[in-house]
Amino acid sequence: MPFVFVAAIVVAIVGFIYSQIQARKRREGLVELAQRLNLNFSPDPDYGFAERFGFLKKLAQGDNRYAYNVLSGTYQNHDVLAFDYHYQVTTHDKNGSHTTNYRFSFFISQMPATFPDLTVRRENFFLKIAEVFGYQDIKFESAEFSKTFCVRSPDKKFAYDVCNAQMMEYLLANRDLSLEIENQALALAFDSCLAVEQIESNLQRLVEIRSRLPEYLFTNT
């Protein structure tokens, strides 16, 4: 058996063992966090999340979608969910099929009112290209905010209500955040799985954003 082939097998086995060890450590850390914050914790894959929250764009991508490492319960008097999420994308070319797996952290505050779709994301090259083809984002009086974030919603008034002065100031101070609101969900999305040490601070940021939503939004819906 060629040495290179054997070496590849050894590397694959070592990589698998390492990933299993890291996954176990992550689960153990999340168990401790859940106990400290008085939240429920489930490590098991939950395919129901993709159906329950499939209206959220970040959770509607790809195939084989499921949440896992789910923290749920009440945090600072808000119903919250924090979880890792998985989906996969399969592409086909002349060399066959290729499947890429994506995993990231996601946070949801469940709200007592129903709202239209709104997304607030960092401006980037692809969003600028989409704008050229007619996907217009909403502009604000703050040139810095409009330059930094792409805001889209079918309800422009709702977008202005959400992105009020306090919200814009907070988001400009937390430029890594991607925000989505729809139906009864206020969500924060990330591009990778956050370290356990970052979970509580982002639950706090979720609550901070919720606190900046005007109360009249909840009484007028």
Protein backbone atom coordinates (compact mmCIF):
# COMPACT_ATOMS: atom_id res chain seq x y z
CA MET A 1 0.00 0.00 0.00
CA PRO A 2 1.57 3.36 -1.01
CA PHE A 3 2.92 5.42 1.88
CA VAL A 4 1.00 8.53 0.82
CA PHE A 5 -2.29 6.62 0.93
CA VAL A 6 -1.52 5.23 4.39
CA ALA A 7 -0.52 8.68 5.62
CA ALA A 8 -3.79 10.12 4.33
CA ILE A 9 -5.78 7.49 6.23
CA VAL A 10 -3.82 8.21 9.43
CA VAL A 11 -4.40 11.95 9.07
CA ALA A 12 -8.12 11.38 8.50
CA ILE A 13 -8.39 9.16 11.59
CA VAL A 14 -6.48 11.63 13.76
CA GLY A 15 -8.65 14.47 12.45
CA PHE A 16 -11.83 12.55 13.24
CA ILE A 17 -10.68 11.72 16.78
CA TYR A 18 -9.67 15.35 17.39
CA SER A 19 -13.04 16.65 16.16
CA GLN A 20 -14.85 14.21 18.46
CA ILE A 21 -12.80 15.35 21.45
CA GLN A 22 -13.49 19.00 20.64
CA ALA A 23 -17.21 18.32 20.20
CA ARG A 24 -17.35 16.57 23.59
CA LYS A 25 -15.53 19.47 25.28
CA ARG A 26 -17.96 21.90 23.66
CA ARG A 27 -20.96 19.96 24.93
CA GLU A 28 -19.49 19.82 28.42
CA GLY A 29 -18.91 23.57 28.39
CA LEU A 30 -22.46 24.22 27.21
CA VAL A 31 -23.87 21.98 29.94
CA GLU A 32 -22.01 24.07 32.54
CA LEU A 33 -23.22 27.29 30.92
CA ALA A 34 -26.82 26.07 30.85
CA GLN A 35 -26.68 25.17 34.53
CA ARG A 36 -25.22 28.55 35.45
CA LEU A 37 -27.81 30.50 33.41
CA ASN A 38 -30.69 28.19 34.40
CA LEU A 39 -31.35 27.23 30.78
CA ASN A 40 -32.27 23.90 29.24
CA PHE A 41 -29.71 22.13 27.08
CA SER A 42 -30.04 19.45 24.40
CA PRO A 43 -27.04 18.28 22.36
CA ASP A 44 -29.12 16.16 19.96
CA PRO A 45 -29.86 17.14 16.34
CA ASP A 46 -33.30 18.75 16.03
CA TYR A 47 -34.60 18.83 12.46
CA GLY A 48 -37.76 20.59 13.58
CA PHE A 49 -35.95 23.92 13.84
CA ALA A 50 -35.58 24.10 10.05
CA GLU A 51 -39.36 23.85 9.70
CA ARG A 52 -40.25 25.97 12.72
CA PHE A 53 -37.94 28.84 11.79
CA GLY A 54 -37.51 28.17 8.08
CA PHE A 55 -38.78 31.66 7.28
CA LEU A 56 -35.45 33.04 8.56
CA LYS A 57 -33.11 33.31 5.58
CA LYS A 58 -30.00 32.06 7.37
CA LEU A 59 -31.80 28.86 8.39
CA ALA A 60 -33.37 28.18 4.98
CA GLN A 61 -30.18 27.36 3.09
CA GLY A 62 -29.06 24.02 1.71
CA ASP A 63 -30.15 20.53 2.72
CA ASN A 64 -29.91 18.31 5.80
CA ARG A 65 -30.70 21.27 8.04
CA TYR A 66 -30.83 20.84 11.79
CA ALA A 67 -30.07 22.59 15.08
CA TYR A 68 -28.00 20.98 17.82
CA ASN A 69 -26.41 21.99 21.13
CA VAL A 70 -29.63 23.88 21.83
CA LEU A 71 -29.87 26.22 24.83
CA SER A 72 -33.44 27.29 25.59
CA GLY A 73 -35.38 29.05 28.30
CA THR A 74 -35.66 32.47 29.89
CA TYR A 75 -32.72 34.87 29.94
CA GLN A 76 -33.23 38.28 31.57
CA ASN A 77 -37.01 37.85 31.25
CA HIS A 78 -36.85 37.02 27.53
CA ASP A 79 -37.62 33.69 25.85
CA VAL A 80 -34.41 32.78 24.05
CA LEU A 81 -32.84 30.05 21.96
CA ALA A 82 -29.13 29.69 21.25
CA PHE A 83 -27.89 26.83 19.14
CA ASP A 84 -25.43 25.50 16.61
CA TYR A 85 -26.88 24.93 13.15
CA HIS A 86 -25.89 22.69 10.26
CA TYR A 87 -26.71 22.55 6.57
CA GLN A 88 -24.97 21.16 3.54
CA VAL A 89 -24.69 22.10 -0.11
CA THR A 90 -23.97 19.56 -2.85
CA THR A 91 -22.56 20.68 -6.18
CA HIS A 92 -22.05 18.63 -9.32
CA ASP A 93 -19.39 18.92 -12.00
CA LYS A 94 -17.60 16.69 -14.47
CA ASN A 95 -15.59 15.14 -11.63
CA GLY A 96 -18.67 14.11 -9.68
CA SER A 97 -20.54 15.41 -6.63
CA HIS A 98 -19.04 17.51 -3.86
CA THR A 99 -20.74 18.17 -0.53
CA THR A 100 -19.78 21.04 1.73
CA ASN A 101 -21.00 21.21 5.32
CA TYR A 102 -21.66 24.53 7.05
CA ARG A 103 -21.99 25.05 10.80
CA PHE A 104 -22.63 28.28 12.68
CA SER A 105 -24.15 29.76 15.84
CA PHE A 106 -27.61 31.32 15.91
CA PHE A 107 -29.58 33.19 18.58
CA ILE A 108 -33.32 33.86 18.69
CA SER A 109 -35.45 36.00 20.99
CA GLN A 110 -39.08 34.96 20.70
CA MET A 111 -41.30 38.04 20.80
CA PRO A 112 -44.99 38.58 21.69
CA ALA A 113 -45.87 40.20 18.36
CA THR A 114 -45.65 39.39 14.65
CA PHE A 115 -43.46 41.52 12.40
CA PRO A 116 -42.59 41.77 8.70
CA ASP A 117 -39.27 40.61 7.30
CA LEU A 118 -36.23 42.76 8.04
CA THR A 119 -32.52 41.99 7.63
CA VAL A 120 -29.56 44.09 8.77
CA ARG A 121 -26.23 42.78 7.53
CA ARG A 122 -22.74 44.14 7.06
CA GLU A 123 -22.37 45.67 3.63
CA ASN A 124 -20.15 43.59 1.35
CA PHE A 125 -19.23 43.10 -2.28
CA PHE A 126 -21.96 40.57 -3.04
CA LEU A 127 -24.68 42.76 -1.50
CA LYS A 128 -23.47 45.68 -3.61
CA ILE A 129 -23.67 43.53 -6.73
CA ALA A 130 -27.21 42.45 -5.78
CA GLU A 131 -28.18 46.11 -5.44
CA VAL A 132 -27.05 46.72 -9.03
CA PHE A 133 -29.54 44.06 -10.14
CA GLY A 134 -32.45 45.66 -8.32
CA TYR A 135 -32.21 44.40 -4.73
CA GLN A 136 -32.23 47.84 -3.18
CA ASP A 137 -31.31 48.38 0.44
CA ILE A 138 -32.89 51.10 2.58
CA LYS A 139 -30.89 54.27 3.16
CA PHE A 140 -30.78 56.22 6.43
CA GLU A 141 -29.85 59.74 7.46
CA SER A 142 -26.70 58.35 9.04
CA ALA A 143 -24.27 58.02 6.12
CA GLU A 144 -21.96 55.91 8.26
CA PHE A 145 -24.74 53.44 9.11
CA SER A 146 -25.89 53.19 5.48
CA LYS A 147 -22.32 52.61 4.36
CA THR A 148 -21.68 49.96 7.02
CA PHE A 149 -24.94 47.98 6.93
CA CYS A 150 -27.29 46.71 4.25
CA VAL A 151 -30.89 46.97 5.49
CA ARG A 152 -33.70 45.33 3.55
CA SER A 153 -37.41 45.01 4.28
CA PRO A 154 -40.66 45.17 2.31
CA ASP A 155 -41.89 47.59 4.98
CA LYS A 156 -39.72 50.70 4.92
CA LYS A 157 -41.50 52.31 7.89
CA PHE A 158 -40.83 49.22 10.00
CA ALA A 159 -37.16 49.37 9.00
CA TYR A 160 -36.95 52.99 10.12
CA ASP A 161 -38.73 52.14 13.40
CA VAL A 162 -36.27 49.34 14.14
CA CYS A 163 -33.16 51.19 13.00
CA ASN A 164 -33.78 54.16 15.24
CA ALA A 165 -30.97 56.36 16.55
CA GLN A 166 -30.25 54.13 19.57
CA MET A 167 -30.23 50.98 17.43
CA MET A 168 -27.94 52.49 14.81
CA GLU A 169 -25.53 53.65 17.51
CA TYR A 170 -25.48 50.17 19.07
CA LEU A 171 -24.98 48.35 15.77
CA LEU A 172 -22.18 50.69 14.74
CA ALA A 173 -20.48 49.76 18.02
CA ASN A 174 -21.07 46.04 17.27
CA ARG A 175 -20.31 45.79 13.57
CA ASP A 176 -19.91 42.01 13.54
CA LEU A 177 -23.64 41.50 14.12
CA SER A 178 -26.13 40.30 11.51
CA LEU A 179 -29.74 40.86 12.53
CA GLU A 180 -32.95 39.38 11.17
CA ILE A 181 -36.56 39.92 12.27
CA GLU A 182 -39.61 38.10 10.96
CA ASN A 183 -42.86 36.83 12.43
CA GLN A 184 -42.17 36.50 16.18
CA ALA A 185 -38.41 36.01 15.93
CA LEU A 186 -35.55 38.42 16.52
CA ALA A 187 -32.37 36.65 15.47
CA LEU A 188 -28.60 37.08 15.47
CA ALA A 189 -26.60 35.01 12.99
CA PHE A 190 -22.90 34.23 12.81
CA ASP A 191 -20.77 32.63 10.12
CA SER A 192 -19.20 29.98 12.36
CA CYS A 193 -19.76 28.24 15.68
CA LEU A 194 -18.85 30.60 18.49
CA ALA A 195 -16.69 29.51 21.39
CA VAL A 196 -18.62 28.57 24.52
CA GLU A 197 -17.11 31.64 26.21
CA GLN A 198 -18.87 33.87 23.64
CA ILE A 199 -22.38 32.50 24.06
CA GLU A 200 -23.44 34.45 27.14
CA SER A 201 -22.09 37.77 25.83
CA ASN A 202 -24.12 37.30 22.63
CA LEU A 203 -27.24 36.42 24.58
CA GLN A 204 -26.65 39.75 26.29
CA ARG A 205 -26.29 41.49 22.92
CA LEU A 206 -29.54 39.86 21.77
CA VAL A 207 -31.30 41.33 24.81
CA GLU A 208 -29.65 44.72 24.20
CA ILE A 209 -31.03 44.79 20.66
CA ARG A 210 -34.47 43.72 21.88
CA SER A 211 -34.42 46.57 24.42
CA ARG A 212 -33.88 49.07 21.59
CA LEU A 213 -37.04 48.07 19.74
CA PRO A 214 -39.68 50.74 20.41
CA GLU A 215 -42.45 49.50 22.68
CA TYR A 216 -45.13 50.92 20.38
CA LEU A 217 -44.18 48.21 17.88
CA PHE A 218 -45.58 45.67 20.32
CA THR A 219 -48.76 47.55 21.12
CA ASN A 220 -49.66 48.50 17.54
CA THR A 221 -49.42 44.99 16.02
